[in-house]
Amino acid sequence: MGKYINYNSKKKLLNGSYLNKLNTLKKDGAIVIPRPEKFVNNLILIGNNGPWGFAAYMYSKEEFHAYKDDLNGREHTWLLYEHAKNVAR
């Protein structure tokens, strides 16, 4: 089962939408990167599921490969976030 990020390192809730989650994490130091070709540490995928978004923590190579090619055309952004491991649940 995946791990998701619902709060940033300052315990601010990542409310609802894809853009809100993306912007809240960027304000907390996350860096937008191009889609990686291989697994790297501290990797997060922010995805758009319509009225809400998700922030998935890529905690392993297997998790990364499960997501990297299966987004069904949904808007998404890859981030590096130094706090990912500590805040993911």
Protein backbone atom coordinates (compact mmCIF):
# COMPACT_ATOMS: atom_id res chain seq x y z
CA MET A 1 0.00 0.00 0.00
CA GLY A 2 1.23 3.49 -0.82
CA LYS A 3 2.28 6.27 1.51
CA TYR A 4 0.82 9.73 1.14
CA ILE A 5 1.64 13.19 2.39
CA ASN A 6 -1.22 15.09 4.00
CA TYR A 7 0.79 17.59 6.06
CA ASN A 8 3.98 19.48 5.28
CA SER A 9 6.96 19.65 7.67
CA LYS A 10 5.34 22.56 9.53
CA LYS A 11 2.20 20.45 10.13
CA LYS A 12 0.17 22.52 7.64
CA LEU A 13 -2.64 20.44 6.15
CA LEU A 14 -2.43 19.93 2.39
CA ASN A 15 -6.06 20.75 1.60
CA GLY A 16 -7.98 19.31 -1.32
CA SER A 17 -6.90 20.30 -4.77
CA TYR A 18 -3.89 19.30 -6.83
CA LEU A 19 -2.69 22.91 -7.10
CA ASN A 20 -3.10 23.59 -3.39
CA LYS A 21 -1.06 20.52 -2.47
CA LEU A 22 1.59 21.40 -5.03
CA ASN A 23 1.89 25.02 -3.89
CA THR A 24 1.92 24.16 -0.18
CA LEU A 25 4.79 21.72 -0.67
CA LYS A 26 6.72 24.14 -2.87
CA LYS A 27 6.43 26.80 -0.15
CA ASP A 28 7.94 24.23 2.22
CA GLY A 29 11.00 23.68 0.02
CA ALA A 30 9.88 21.04 -2.47
CA ILE A 31 11.52 21.37 -5.89
CA VAL A 32 9.70 20.63 -9.15
CA ILE A 33 11.68 18.26 -11.38
CA PRO A 34 11.11 16.58 -14.76
CA ARG A 35 9.74 13.03 -14.68
CA PRO A 36 12.65 10.93 -13.44
CA GLU A 37 13.77 7.90 -15.39
CA LYS A 38 14.78 6.03 -12.24
CA PHE A 39 14.00 6.01 -8.54
CA VAL A 40 15.60 8.69 -6.38
CA ASN A 41 15.22 9.42 -2.66
CA ASN A 42 12.74 12.06 -1.42
CA LEU A 43 10.58 11.75 -4.54
CA ILE A 44 6.91 12.76 -4.50
CA LEU A 45 4.25 12.63 -7.18
CA ILE A 46 1.44 15.18 -6.96
CA GLY A 47 -1.51 14.03 -9.04
CA ASN A 48 -4.82 15.55 -10.07
CA ASN A 49 -7.94 13.48 -9.44
CA GLY A 50 -10.44 16.20 -10.32
CA PRO A 51 -11.74 18.05 -7.25
CA TRP A 52 -8.93 16.68 -5.10
CA GLY A 53 -5.28 15.86 -5.50
CA PHE A 54 -2.90 13.34 -4.01
CA ALA A 55 0.70 13.58 -2.85
CA ALA A 56 2.24 10.12 -3.12
CA TYR A 57 5.62 9.38 -1.57
CA MET A 58 7.85 7.15 -3.67
CA TYR A 59 9.47 5.15 -0.86
CA SER A 60 10.87 2.36 -3.05
CA LYS A 61 11.78 1.43 -6.61
CA GLU A 62 8.65 -0.71 -6.79
CA GLU A 63 6.41 2.16 -5.70
CA PHE A 64 8.04 4.46 -8.26
CA HIS A 65 7.54 1.98 -11.10
CA ALA A 66 3.90 1.44 -10.12
CA TYR A 67 3.22 5.15 -10.61
CA LYS A 68 5.62 6.42 -13.26
CA ASP A 69 3.76 5.11 -16.30
CA ASP A 70 0.22 4.65 -14.97
CA LEU A 71 -1.23 8.15 -14.67
CA ASN A 72 -3.94 7.75 -17.34
CA GLY A 73 -3.35 11.24 -18.74
CA ARG A 74 -3.96 12.94 -15.39
CA GLU A 75 -2.16 16.20 -14.67
CA HIS A 76 0.77 15.55 -12.36
CA THR A 77 4.02 16.99 -11.08
CA TRP A 78 7.15 15.31 -9.74
CA LEU A 79 8.90 16.88 -6.74
CA LEU A 80 11.97 16.38 -4.62
CA TYR A 81 11.08 17.10 -1.00
CA GLU A 82 13.67 16.70 1.75
CA HIS A 83 10.98 16.07 4.38
CA ALA A 84 9.16 13.35 2.39
CA LYS A 85 10.19 10.37 4.49
CA ASN A 86 9.36 12.11 7.77
CA VAL A 87 5.88 13.34 6.84
CA ALA A 88 4.58 10.44 4.69
CA ARG A 89 2.02 8.11 6.25
